mmCIF file of all heavy atoms, coordinates in Angstrom:
data_MODEL
# 
_entry.id   MODEL 
# 
loop_
_atom_site.group_PDB 
_atom_site.id 
_atom_site.type_symbol 
_atom_site.label_atom_id 
_atom_site.label_alt_id 
_atom_site.label_comp_id 
_atom_site.label_asym_id 
_atom_site.label_entity_id 
_atom_site.label_seq_id 
_atom_site.pdbx_PDB_ins_code 
_atom_site.Cartn_x 
_atom_site.Cartn_y 
_atom_site.Cartn_z 
_atom_site.occupancy 
_atom_site.B_iso_or_equiv 
_atom_site.pdbx_formal_charge 
_atom_site.auth_seq_id 
_atom_site.auth_comp_id 
_atom_site.auth_asym_id 
_atom_site.auth_atom_id 
_atom_site.pdbx_PDB_model_num 
ATOM 1   N N   . VAL A 1 1  ? -37.759 241.462 28.350 1.00 0.00 ? 1  VAL A N   1 
ATOM 2   C CA  . VAL A 1 1  ? -36.888 242.350 27.657 1.00 0.00 ? 1  VAL A CA  1 
ATOM 3   C C   . VAL A 1 1  ? -36.676 241.768 26.201 1.00 0.00 ? 1  VAL A C   1 
ATOM 4   O O   . VAL A 1 1  ? -36.011 240.667 26.134 1.00 0.00 ? 1  VAL A O   1 
ATOM 5   C CB  . VAL A 1 1  ? -35.531 242.627 28.321 1.00 0.00 ? 1  VAL A CB  1 
ATOM 6   C CG1 . VAL A 1 1  ? -34.770 243.602 27.592 1.00 0.00 ? 1  VAL A CG1 1 
ATOM 7   C CG2 . VAL A 1 1  ? -35.909 243.160 29.620 1.00 0.00 ? 1  VAL A CG2 1 
ATOM 8   N N   . THR A 1 2  ? -37.154 242.488 25.220 1.00 0.00 ? 2  THR A N   1 
ATOM 9   C CA  . THR A 1 2  ? -37.042 242.009 23.880 1.00 0.00 ? 2  THR A CA  1 
ATOM 10  C C   . THR A 1 2  ? -35.622 241.838 23.355 1.00 0.00 ? 2  THR A C   1 
ATOM 11  O O   . THR A 1 2  ? -34.702 242.713 23.868 1.00 0.00 ? 2  THR A O   1 
ATOM 12  C CB  . THR A 1 2  ? -37.660 242.958 22.831 1.00 0.00 ? 2  THR A CB  1 
ATOM 13  O OG1 . THR A 1 2  ? -39.041 243.156 23.270 1.00 0.00 ? 2  THR A OG1 1 
ATOM 14  C CG2 . THR A 1 2  ? -37.811 242.353 21.438 1.00 0.00 ? 2  THR A CG2 1 
ATOM 15  N N   . THR A 1 3  ? -35.231 240.872 22.694 1.00 0.00 ? 3  THR A N   1 
ATOM 16  C CA  . THR A 1 3  ? -33.827 240.626 22.170 1.00 0.00 ? 3  THR A CA  1 
ATOM 17  C C   . THR A 1 3  ? -33.469 241.722 21.475 1.00 0.00 ? 3  THR A C   1 
ATOM 18  O O   . THR A 1 3  ? -34.051 242.440 20.730 1.00 0.00 ? 3  THR A O   1 
ATOM 19  C CB  . THR A 1 3  ? -33.758 239.399 21.148 1.00 0.00 ? 3  THR A CB  1 
ATOM 20  O OG1 . THR A 1 3  ? -34.437 238.287 21.936 1.00 0.00 ? 3  THR A OG1 1 
ATOM 21  C CG2 . THR A 1 3  ? -32.485 239.108 20.726 1.00 0.00 ? 3  THR A CG2 1 
ATOM 22  N N   . ARG A 1 4  ? -32.122 242.187 21.831 1.00 0.00 ? 4  ARG A N   1 
ATOM 23  C CA  . ARG A 1 4  ? -31.610 243.405 21.422 1.00 0.00 ? 4  ARG A CA  1 
ATOM 24  C C   . ARG A 1 4  ? -31.210 243.345 19.820 1.00 0.00 ? 4  ARG A C   1 
ATOM 25  O O   . ARG A 1 4  ? -30.872 242.347 19.383 1.00 0.00 ? 4  ARG A O   1 
ATOM 26  C CB  . ARG A 1 4  ? -30.388 243.919 22.204 1.00 0.00 ? 4  ARG A CB  1 
ATOM 27  C CG  . ARG A 1 4  ? -30.911 244.213 23.570 1.00 0.00 ? 4  ARG A CG  1 
ATOM 28  C CD  . ARG A 1 4  ? -29.726 244.615 24.566 1.00 0.00 ? 4  ARG A CD  1 
ATOM 29  N NE  . ARG A 1 4  ? -30.083 244.674 25.942 1.00 0.00 ? 4  ARG A NE  1 
ATOM 30  C CZ  . ARG A 1 4  ? -30.798 245.901 26.371 1.00 0.00 ? 4  ARG A CZ  1 
ATOM 31  N NH1 . ARG A 1 4  ? -30.883 246.924 25.667 1.00 0.00 ? 4  ARG A NH1 1 
ATOM 32  N NH2 . ARG A 1 4  ? -31.124 245.925 27.662 1.00 0.00 ? 4  ARG A NH2 1 
ATOM 33  N N   . ASP A 1 5  ? -31.262 244.467 19.271 1.00 0.00 ? 5  ASP A N   1 
ATOM 34  C CA  . ASP A 1 5  ? -30.924 244.606 17.772 1.00 0.00 ? 5  ASP A CA  1 
ATOM 35  C C   . ASP A 1 5  ? -29.643 243.934 17.369 1.00 0.00 ? 5  ASP A C   1 
ATOM 36  O O   . ASP A 1 5  ? -29.739 243.176 16.433 1.00 0.00 ? 5  ASP A O   1 
ATOM 37  C CB  . ASP A 1 5  ? -31.056 246.042 17.419 1.00 0.00 ? 5  ASP A CB  1 
ATOM 38  C CG  . ASP A 1 5  ? -30.876 246.204 15.829 1.00 0.00 ? 5  ASP A CG  1 
ATOM 39  O OD1 . ASP A 1 5  ? -29.832 246.139 15.382 1.00 0.00 ? 5  ASP A OD1 1 
ATOM 40  O OD2 . ASP A 1 5  ? -31.909 246.501 15.223 1.00 0.00 ? 5  ASP A OD2 1 
ATOM 41  N N   . HIS A 1 6  ? -28.608 244.206 18.038 1.00 0.00 ? 6  HIS A N   1 
ATOM 42  C CA  . HIS A 1 6  ? -27.253 243.686 17.719 1.00 0.00 ? 6  HIS A CA  1 
ATOM 43  C C   . HIS A 1 6  ? -27.141 242.154 17.778 1.00 0.00 ? 6  HIS A C   1 
ATOM 44  O O   . HIS A 1 6  ? -26.426 241.700 17.211 1.00 0.00 ? 6  HIS A O   1 
ATOM 45  C CB  . HIS A 1 6  ? -26.051 244.410 18.457 1.00 0.00 ? 6  HIS A CB  1 
ATOM 46  C CG  . HIS A 1 6  ? -25.983 243.936 19.918 1.00 0.00 ? 6  HIS A CG  1 
ATOM 47  N ND1 . HIS A 1 6  ? -26.731 244.407 20.898 1.00 0.00 ? 6  HIS A ND1 1 
ATOM 48  C CD2 . HIS A 1 6  ? -25.305 242.929 20.436 1.00 0.00 ? 6  HIS A CD2 1 
ATOM 49  C CE1 . HIS A 1 6  ? -26.527 243.885 22.020 1.00 0.00 ? 6  HIS A CE1 1 
ATOM 50  N NE2 . HIS A 1 6  ? -25.512 242.848 21.712 1.00 0.00 ? 6  HIS A NE2 1 
ATOM 51  N N   . VAL A 1 7  ? -27.953 241.591 18.666 1.00 0.00 ? 7  VAL A N   1 
ATOM 52  C CA  . VAL A 1 7  ? -27.891 240.120 18.876 1.00 0.00 ? 7  VAL A CA  1 
ATOM 53  C C   . VAL A 1 7  ? -28.542 239.438 17.575 1.00 0.00 ? 7  VAL A C   1 
ATOM 54  O O   . VAL A 1 7  ? -27.860 238.490 16.983 1.00 0.00 ? 7  VAL A O   1 
ATOM 55  C CB  . VAL A 1 7  ? -28.829 239.697 20.065 1.00 0.00 ? 7  VAL A CB  1 
ATOM 56  C CG1 . VAL A 1 7  ? -28.742 238.210 20.110 1.00 0.00 ? 7  VAL A CG1 1 
ATOM 57  C CG2 . VAL A 1 7  ? -28.172 240.279 21.323 1.00 0.00 ? 7  VAL A CG2 1 
ATOM 58  N N   . ILE A 1 8  ? -29.446 240.078 17.005 1.00 0.00 ? 8  ILE A N   1 
ATOM 59  C CA  . ILE A 1 8  ? -30.060 239.471 15.754 1.00 0.00 ? 8  ILE A CA  1 
ATOM 60  C C   . ILE A 1 8  ? -29.223 239.786 14.584 1.00 0.00 ? 8  ILE A C   1 
ATOM 61  O O   . ILE A 1 8  ? -28.963 238.919 13.732 1.00 0.00 ? 8  ILE A O   1 
ATOM 62  C CB  . ILE A 1 8  ? -31.568 240.016 15.525 1.00 0.00 ? 8  ILE A CB  1 
ATOM 63  C CG1 . ILE A 1 8  ? -32.374 239.833 16.683 1.00 0.00 ? 8  ILE A CG1 1 
ATOM 64  C CG2 . ILE A 1 8  ? -32.016 239.480 14.165 1.00 0.00 ? 8  ILE A CG2 1 
ATOM 65  C CD1 . ILE A 1 8  ? -32.579 238.305 16.974 1.00 0.00 ? 8  ILE A CD1 1 
ATOM 66  N N   . ARG A 1 9  ? -28.598 240.958 14.554 1.00 0.00 ? 9  ARG A N   1 
ATOM 67  C CA  . ARG A 1 9  ? -27.751 241.418 13.348 1.00 0.00 ? 9  ARG A CA  1 
ATOM 68  C C   . ARG A 1 9  ? -26.528 240.431 13.467 1.00 0.00 ? 9  ARG A C   1 
ATOM 69  O O   . ARG A 1 9  ? -25.789 240.175 12.365 1.00 0.00 ? 9  ARG A O   1 
ATOM 70  C CB  . ARG A 1 9  ? -27.226 242.819 13.407 1.00 0.00 ? 9  ARG A CB  1 
ATOM 71  C CG  . ARG A 1 9  ? -28.439 243.753 13.151 1.00 0.00 ? 9  ARG A CG  1 
ATOM 72  C CD  . ARG A 1 9  ? -27.956 245.193 13.208 1.00 0.00 ? 9  ARG A CD  1 
ATOM 73  N NE  . ARG A 1 9  ? -29.077 246.106 12.937 1.00 0.00 ? 9  ARG A NE  1 
ATOM 74  C CZ  . ARG A 1 9  ? -29.522 246.471 11.690 1.00 0.00 ? 9  ARG A CZ  1 
ATOM 75  N NH1 . ARG A 1 9  ? -28.890 245.806 10.561 1.00 0.00 ? 9  ARG A NH1 1 
ATOM 76  N NH2 . ARG A 1 9  ? -30.518 247.197 11.557 1.00 0.00 ? 9  ARG A NH2 1 
ATOM 77  N N   . GLY A 1 10 ? -26.073 239.973 14.589 1.00 0.00 ? 10 GLY A N   1 
ATOM 78  C CA  . GLY A 1 10 ? -24.935 239.165 14.668 1.00 0.00 ? 10 GLY A CA  1 
ATOM 79  C C   . GLY A 1 10 ? -25.234 237.748 13.906 1.00 0.00 ? 10 GLY A C   1 
ATOM 80  O O   . GLY A 1 10 ? -24.162 237.018 13.638 1.00 0.00 ? 10 GLY A O   1 
ATOM 81  N N   . ARG A 1 11 ? -26.449 237.438 13.582 1.00 0.00 ? 11 ARG A N   1 
ATOM 82  C CA  . ARG A 1 11 ? -26.698 236.130 12.974 1.00 0.00 ? 11 ARG A CA  1 
ATOM 83  C C   . ARG A 1 11 ? -26.933 236.341 11.471 1.00 0.00 ? 11 ARG A C   1 
ATOM 84  O O   . ARG A 1 11 ? -27.216 235.349 10.703 1.00 0.00 ? 11 ARG A O   1 
ATOM 85  C CB  . ARG A 1 11 ? -27.979 235.461 13.601 1.00 0.00 ? 11 ARG A CB  1 
ATOM 86  C CG  . ARG A 1 11 ? -27.877 235.226 15.041 1.00 0.00 ? 11 ARG A CG  1 
ATOM 87  C CD  . ARG A 1 11 ? -26.685 234.156 15.389 1.00 0.00 ? 11 ARG A CD  1 
ATOM 88  N NE  . ARG A 1 11 ? -27.291 232.898 15.159 1.00 0.00 ? 11 ARG A NE  1 
ATOM 89  C CZ  . ARG A 1 11 ? -26.482 231.840 15.027 1.00 0.00 ? 11 ARG A CZ  1 
ATOM 90  N NH1 . ARG A 1 11 ? -25.145 231.936 15.191 1.00 0.00 ? 11 ARG A NH1 1 
ATOM 91  N NH2 . ARG A 1 11 ? -27.025 230.568 14.814 1.00 0.00 ? 11 ARG A NH2 1 
ATOM 92  N N   . LEU A 1 12 ? -26.871 237.494 10.826 1.00 0.00 ? 12 LEU A N   1 
ATOM 93  C CA  . LEU A 1 12 ? -27.164 237.759 9.599  1.00 0.00 ? 12 LEU A CA  1 
ATOM 94  C C   . LEU A 1 12 ? -25.973 237.295 8.733  1.00 0.00 ? 12 LEU A C   1 
ATOM 95  O O   . LEU A 1 12 ? -24.870 237.451 9.043  1.00 0.00 ? 12 LEU A O   1 
ATOM 96  C CB  . LEU A 1 12 ? -27.366 239.306 9.276  1.00 0.00 ? 12 LEU A CB  1 
ATOM 97  C CG  . LEU A 1 12 ? -28.469 240.037 10.097 1.00 0.00 ? 12 LEU A CG  1 
ATOM 98  C CD1 . LEU A 1 12 ? -28.650 241.423 9.529  1.00 0.00 ? 12 LEU A CD1 1 
ATOM 99  C CD2 . LEU A 1 12 ? -29.792 239.265 9.854  1.00 0.00 ? 12 LEU A CD2 1 
ATOM 100 N N   . LEU A 1 13 ? -26.252 236.619 7.489  1.00 0.00 ? 13 LEU A N   1 
ATOM 101 C CA  . LEU A 1 13 ? -25.305 236.180 6.677  1.00 0.00 ? 13 LEU A CA  1 
ATOM 102 C C   . LEU A 1 13 ? -25.187 237.062 5.430  1.00 0.00 ? 13 LEU A C   1 
ATOM 103 O O   . LEU A 1 13 ? -24.624 236.625 4.352  1.00 0.00 ? 13 LEU A O   1 
ATOM 104 C CB  . LEU A 1 13 ? -25.625 234.715 6.237  1.00 0.00 ? 13 LEU A CB  1 
ATOM 105 C CG  . LEU A 1 13 ? -25.807 233.690 7.368  1.00 0.00 ? 13 LEU A CG  1 
ATOM 106 C CD1 . LEU A 1 13 ? -26.211 232.328 6.888  1.00 0.00 ? 13 LEU A CD1 1 
ATOM 107 C CD2 . LEU A 1 13 ? -24.518 233.525 8.159  1.00 0.00 ? 13 LEU A CD2 1 
ATOM 108 N N   . PHE A 1 14 ? -25.714 238.294 5.460  1.00 0.00 ? 14 PHE A N   1 
ATOM 109 C CA  . PHE A 1 14 ? -25.625 239.228 4.408  1.00 0.00 ? 14 PHE A CA  1 
ATOM 110 C C   . PHE A 1 14 ? -25.406 240.569 4.961  1.00 0.00 ? 14 PHE A C   1 
ATOM 111 O O   . PHE A 1 14 ? -25.623 240.807 6.125  1.00 0.00 ? 14 PHE A O   1 
ATOM 112 C CB  . PHE A 1 14 ? -26.808 239.113 3.462  1.00 0.00 ? 14 PHE A CB  1 
ATOM 113 C CG  . PHE A 1 14 ? -28.119 239.127 4.298  1.00 0.00 ? 14 PHE A CG  1 
ATOM 114 C CD1 . PHE A 1 14 ? -28.638 240.375 4.580  1.00 0.00 ? 14 PHE A CD1 1 
ATOM 115 C CD2 . PHE A 1 14 ? -28.820 238.030 4.594  1.00 0.00 ? 14 PHE A CD2 1 
ATOM 116 C CE1 . PHE A 1 14 ? -29.729 240.530 5.344  1.00 0.00 ? 14 PHE A CE1 1 
ATOM 117 C CE2 . PHE A 1 14 ? -30.058 238.122 5.440  1.00 0.00 ? 14 PHE A CE2 1 
ATOM 118 C CZ  . PHE A 1 14 ? -30.527 239.345 5.613  1.00 0.00 ? 14 PHE A CZ  1 
ATOM 119 N N   . SER A 1 15 ? -25.102 241.517 4.001  1.00 0.00 ? 15 SER A N   1 
ATOM 120 C CA  . SER A 1 15 ? -24.824 242.825 4.575  1.00 0.00 ? 15 SER A CA  1 
ATOM 121 C C   . SER A 1 15 ? -25.333 243.860 3.508  1.00 0.00 ? 15 SER A C   1 
ATOM 122 O O   . SER A 1 15 ? -25.707 243.528 2.448  1.00 0.00 ? 15 SER A O   1 
ATOM 123 C CB  . SER A 1 15 ? -23.310 243.160 4.792  1.00 0.00 ? 15 SER A CB  1 
ATOM 124 O OG  . SER A 1 15 ? -22.733 242.317 5.563  1.00 0.00 ? 15 SER A OG  1 
ATOM 125 N N   . GLU A 1 16 ? -25.515 245.181 3.950  1.00 0.00 ? 16 GLU A N   1 
ATOM 126 C CA  . GLU A 1 16 ? -25.883 246.165 3.067  1.00 0.00 ? 16 GLU A CA  1 
ATOM 127 C C   . GLU A 1 16 ? -24.961 246.363 2.018  1.00 0.00 ? 16 GLU A C   1 
ATOM 128 O O   . GLU A 1 16 ? -23.737 246.334 2.248  1.00 0.00 ? 16 GLU A O   1 
ATOM 129 C CB  . GLU A 1 16 ? -26.200 247.510 3.836  1.00 0.00 ? 16 GLU A CB  1 
ATOM 130 C CG  . GLU A 1 16 ? -27.440 247.361 4.873  1.00 0.00 ? 16 GLU A CG  1 
ATOM 131 C CD  . GLU A 1 16 ? -27.541 248.618 5.768  1.00 0.00 ? 16 GLU A CD  1 
ATOM 132 O OE1 . GLU A 1 16 ? -26.654 249.476 5.619  1.00 0.00 ? 16 GLU A OE1 1 
ATOM 133 O OE2 . GLU A 1 16 ? -28.491 248.669 6.538  1.00 0.00 ? 16 GLU A OE2 1 
ATOM 134 N N   . GLY A 1 17 ? -25.448 246.639 0.754  1.00 0.00 ? 17 GLY A N   1 
ATOM 135 C CA  . GLY A 1 17 ? -24.418 246.772 -0.423 1.00 0.00 ? 17 GLY A CA  1 
ATOM 136 C C   . GLY A 1 17 ? -24.207 245.541 -1.060 1.00 0.00 ? 17 GLY A C   1 
ATOM 137 O O   . GLY A 1 17 ? -23.662 245.617 -2.227 1.00 0.00 ? 17 GLY A O   1 
ATOM 138 N N   . GLU A 1 18 ? -24.562 244.336 -0.550 1.00 0.00 ? 18 GLU A N   1 
ATOM 139 C CA  . GLU A 1 18 ? -24.317 243.087 -1.222 1.00 0.00 ? 18 GLU A CA  1 
ATOM 140 C C   . GLU A 1 18 ? -25.487 242.889 -2.204 1.00 0.00 ? 18 GLU A C   1 
ATOM 141 O O   . GLU A 1 18 ? -26.614 243.322 -2.163 1.00 0.00 ? 18 GLU A O   1 
ATOM 142 C CB  . GLU A 1 18 ? -24.191 241.987 -0.243 1.00 0.00 ? 18 GLU A CB  1 
ATOM 143 C CG  . GLU A 1 18 ? -23.009 242.144 0.538  1.00 0.00 ? 18 GLU A CG  1 
ATOM 144 C CD  . GLU A 1 18 ? -22.768 241.026 1.622  1.00 0.00 ? 18 GLU A CD  1 
ATOM 145 O OE1 . GLU A 1 18 ? -23.703 240.112 1.705  1.00 0.00 ? 18 GLU A OE1 1 
ATOM 146 O OE2 . GLU A 1 18 ? -21.676 240.861 2.205  1.00 0.00 ? 18 GLU A OE2 1 
ATOM 147 N N   . VAL A 1 19 ? -25.175 241.908 -3.193 1.00 0.00 ? 19 VAL A N   1 
ATOM 148 C CA  . VAL A 1 19 ? -26.191 241.440 -4.016 1.00 0.00 ? 19 VAL A CA  1 
ATOM 149 C C   . VAL A 1 19 ? -27.149 240.410 -3.339 1.00 0.00 ? 19 VAL A C   1 
ATOM 150 O O   . VAL A 1 19 ? -26.728 239.563 -2.538 1.00 0.00 ? 19 VAL A O   1 
ATOM 151 C CB  . VAL A 1 19 ? -25.532 240.721 -5.262 1.00 0.00 ? 19 VAL A CB  1 
ATOM 152 C CG1 . VAL A 1 19 ? -26.551 240.118 -6.097 1.00 0.00 ? 19 VAL A CG1 1 
ATOM 153 C CG2 . VAL A 1 19 ? -24.708 241.790 -6.108 1.00 0.00 ? 19 VAL A CG2 1 
ATOM 154 N N   . VAL A 1 20 ? -28.437 240.473 -3.541 1.00 0.00 ? 20 VAL A N   1 
ATOM 155 C CA  . VAL A 1 20 ? -29.358 239.588 -2.809 1.00 0.00 ? 20 VAL A CA  1 
ATOM 156 C C   . VAL A 1 20 ? -29.161 238.183 -3.128 1.00 0.00 ? 20 VAL A C   1 
ATOM 157 O O   . VAL A 1 20 ? -29.057 237.894 -4.431 1.00 0.00 ? 20 VAL A O   1 
ATOM 158 C CB  . VAL A 1 20 ? -30.877 240.024 -3.199 1.00 0.00 ? 20 VAL A CB  1 
ATOM 159 C CG1 . VAL A 1 20 ? -31.780 239.091 -2.542 1.00 0.00 ? 20 VAL A CG1 1 
ATOM 160 C CG2 . VAL A 1 20 ? -31.100 241.449 -2.721 1.00 0.00 ? 20 VAL A CG2 1 
ATOM 161 N N   . ASP A 1 21 ? -29.081 237.366 -2.323 1.00 0.00 ? 21 ASP A N   1 
ATOM 162 C CA  . ASP A 1 21 ? -28.906 235.826 -2.469 1.00 0.00 ? 21 ASP A CA  1 
ATOM 163 C C   . ASP A 1 21 ? -30.000 235.298 -1.685 1.00 0.00 ? 21 ASP A C   1 
ATOM 164 O O   . ASP A 1 21 ? -29.980 235.125 -0.449 1.00 0.00 ? 21 ASP A O   1 
ATOM 165 C CB  . ASP A 1 21 ? -27.471 235.440 -2.073 1.00 0.00 ? 21 ASP A CB  1 
ATOM 166 C CG  . ASP A 1 21 ? -27.238 234.050 -2.453 1.00 0.00 ? 21 ASP A CG  1 
ATOM 167 O OD1 . ASP A 1 21 ? -28.080 233.123 -2.282 1.00 0.00 ? 21 ASP A OD1 1 
ATOM 168 O OD2 . ASP A 1 21 ? -26.115 233.778 -3.108 1.00 0.00 ? 21 ASP A OD2 1 
ATOM 169 N N   . ASN A 1 22 ? -30.960 234.576 -2.394 1.00 0.00 ? 22 ASN A N   1 
ATOM 170 C CA  . ASN A 1 22 ? -32.128 233.991 -1.689 1.00 0.00 ? 22 ASN A CA  1 
ATOM 171 C C   . ASN A 1 22 ? -31.619 232.715 -0.774 1.00 0.00 ? 22 ASN A C   1 
ATOM 172 O O   . ASN A 1 22 ? -32.271 232.543 0.250  1.00 0.00 ? 22 ASN A O   1 
ATOM 173 C CB  . ASN A 1 22 ? -33.148 233.394 -2.793 1.00 0.00 ? 22 ASN A CB  1 
ATOM 174 C CG  . ASN A 1 22 ? -33.821 234.503 -3.457 1.00 0.00 ? 22 ASN A CG  1 
ATOM 175 O OD1 . ASN A 1 22 ? -34.034 235.475 -2.771 1.00 0.00 ? 22 ASN A OD1 1 
ATOM 176 N ND2 . ASN A 1 22 ? -34.243 234.305 -4.628 1.00 0.00 ? 22 ASN A ND2 1 
ATOM 177 N N   . GLU A 1 23 ? -30.455 232.066 -1.151 1.00 0.00 ? 23 GLU A N   1 
ATOM 178 C CA  . GLU A 1 23 ? -29.920 231.019 -0.317 1.00 0.00 ? 23 GLU A CA  1 
ATOM 179 C C   . GLU A 1 23 ? -29.575 231.491 1.038  1.00 0.00 ? 23 GLU A C   1 
ATOM 180 O O   . GLU A 1 23 ? -29.694 230.974 2.080  1.00 0.00 ? 23 GLU A O   1 
ATOM 181 C CB  . GLU A 1 23 ? -28.857 230.264 -1.012 1.00 0.00 ? 23 GLU A CB  1 
ATOM 182 C CG  . GLU A 1 23 ? -29.278 229.549 -2.208 1.00 0.00 ? 23 GLU A CG  1 
ATOM 183 C CD  . GLU A 1 23 ? -30.189 228.331 -1.918 1.00 0.00 ? 23 GLU A CD  1 
ATOM 184 O OE1 . GLU A 1 23 ? -30.100 227.833 -0.798 1.00 0.00 ? 23 GLU A OE1 1 
ATOM 185 O OE2 . GLU A 1 23 ? -30.975 227.932 -2.692 1.00 0.00 ? 23 GLU A OE2 1 
ATOM 186 N N   . LEU A 1 24 ? -28.846 232.681 0.984  1.00 0.00 ? 24 LEU A N   1 
ATOM 187 C CA  . LEU A 1 24 ? -28.375 233.287 2.188  1.00 0.00 ? 24 LEU A CA  1 
ATOM 188 C C   . LEU A 1 24 ? -29.604 233.847 3.063  1.00 0.00 ? 24 LEU A C   1 
ATOM 189 O O   . LEU A 1 24 ? -29.471 233.794 4.336  1.00 0.00 ? 24 LEU A O   1 
ATOM 190 C CB  . LEU A 1 24 ? -27.417 234.499 1.939  1.00 0.00 ? 24 LEU A CB  1 
ATOM 191 C CG  . LEU A 1 24 ? -26.004 234.000 1.245  1.00 0.00 ? 24 LEU A CG  1 
ATOM 192 C CD1 . LEU A 1 24 ? -25.061 235.189 1.035  1.00 0.00 ? 24 LEU A CD1 1 
ATOM 193 C CD2 . LEU A 1 24 ? -25.363 232.957 2.145  1.00 0.00 ? 24 LEU A CD2 1 
ATOM 194 N N   . LEU A 1 25 ? -30.584 234.263 2.415  1.00 0.00 ? 25 LEU A N   1 
ATOM 195 C CA  . LEU A 1 25 ? -31.739 234.797 3.211  1.00 0.00 ? 25 LEU A CA  1 
ATOM 196 C C   . LEU A 1 25 ? -32.303 233.637 3.897  1.00 0.00 ? 25 LEU A C   1 
ATOM 197 O O   . LEU A 1 25 ? -32.692 233.749 5.179  1.00 0.00 ? 25 LEU A O   1 
ATOM 198 C CB  . LEU A 1 25 ? -32.818 235.473 2.250  1.00 0.00 ? 25 LEU A CB  1 
ATOM 199 C CG  . LEU A 1 25 ? -32.364 236.591 1.512  1.00 0.00 ? 25 LEU A CG  1 
ATOM 200 C CD1 . LEU A 1 25 ? -33.499 237.210 0.645  1.00 0.00 ? 25 LEU A CD1 1 
ATOM 201 C CD2 . LEU A 1 25 ? -31.750 237.770 2.459  1.00 0.00 ? 25 LEU A CD2 1 
ATOM 202 N N   . LEU A 1 26 ? -32.569 232.485 3.229  1.00 0.00 ? 26 LEU A N   1 
ATOM 203 C CA  . LEU A 1 26 ? -33.172 231.341 3.943  1.00 0.00 ? 26 LEU A CA  1 
ATOM 204 C C   . LEU A 1 26 ? -32.286 230.783 5.022  1.00 0.00 ? 26 LEU A C   1 
ATOM 205 O O   . LEU A 1 26 ? -32.650 230.455 6.084  1.00 0.00 ? 26 LEU A O   1 
ATOM 206 C CB  . LEU A 1 26 ? -33.357 230.249 2.863  1.00 0.00 ? 26 LEU A CB  1 
ATOM 207 C CG  . LEU A 1 26 ? -34.461 230.605 1.908  1.00 0.00 ? 26 LEU A CG  1 
ATOM 208 C CD1 . LEU A 1 26 ? -34.508 229.445 0.755  1.00 0.00 ? 26 LEU A CD1 1 
ATOM 209 C CD2 . LEU A 1 26 ? -35.875 230.689 2.559  1.00 0.00 ? 26 LEU A CD2 1 
# 
């Protein structure tokens, strides 16, 4: 069973509407 969407989103350090930050992406 593939890891569910919300589990991965829970690890994101950025959100929609924010300015892109390469450090946060890495």
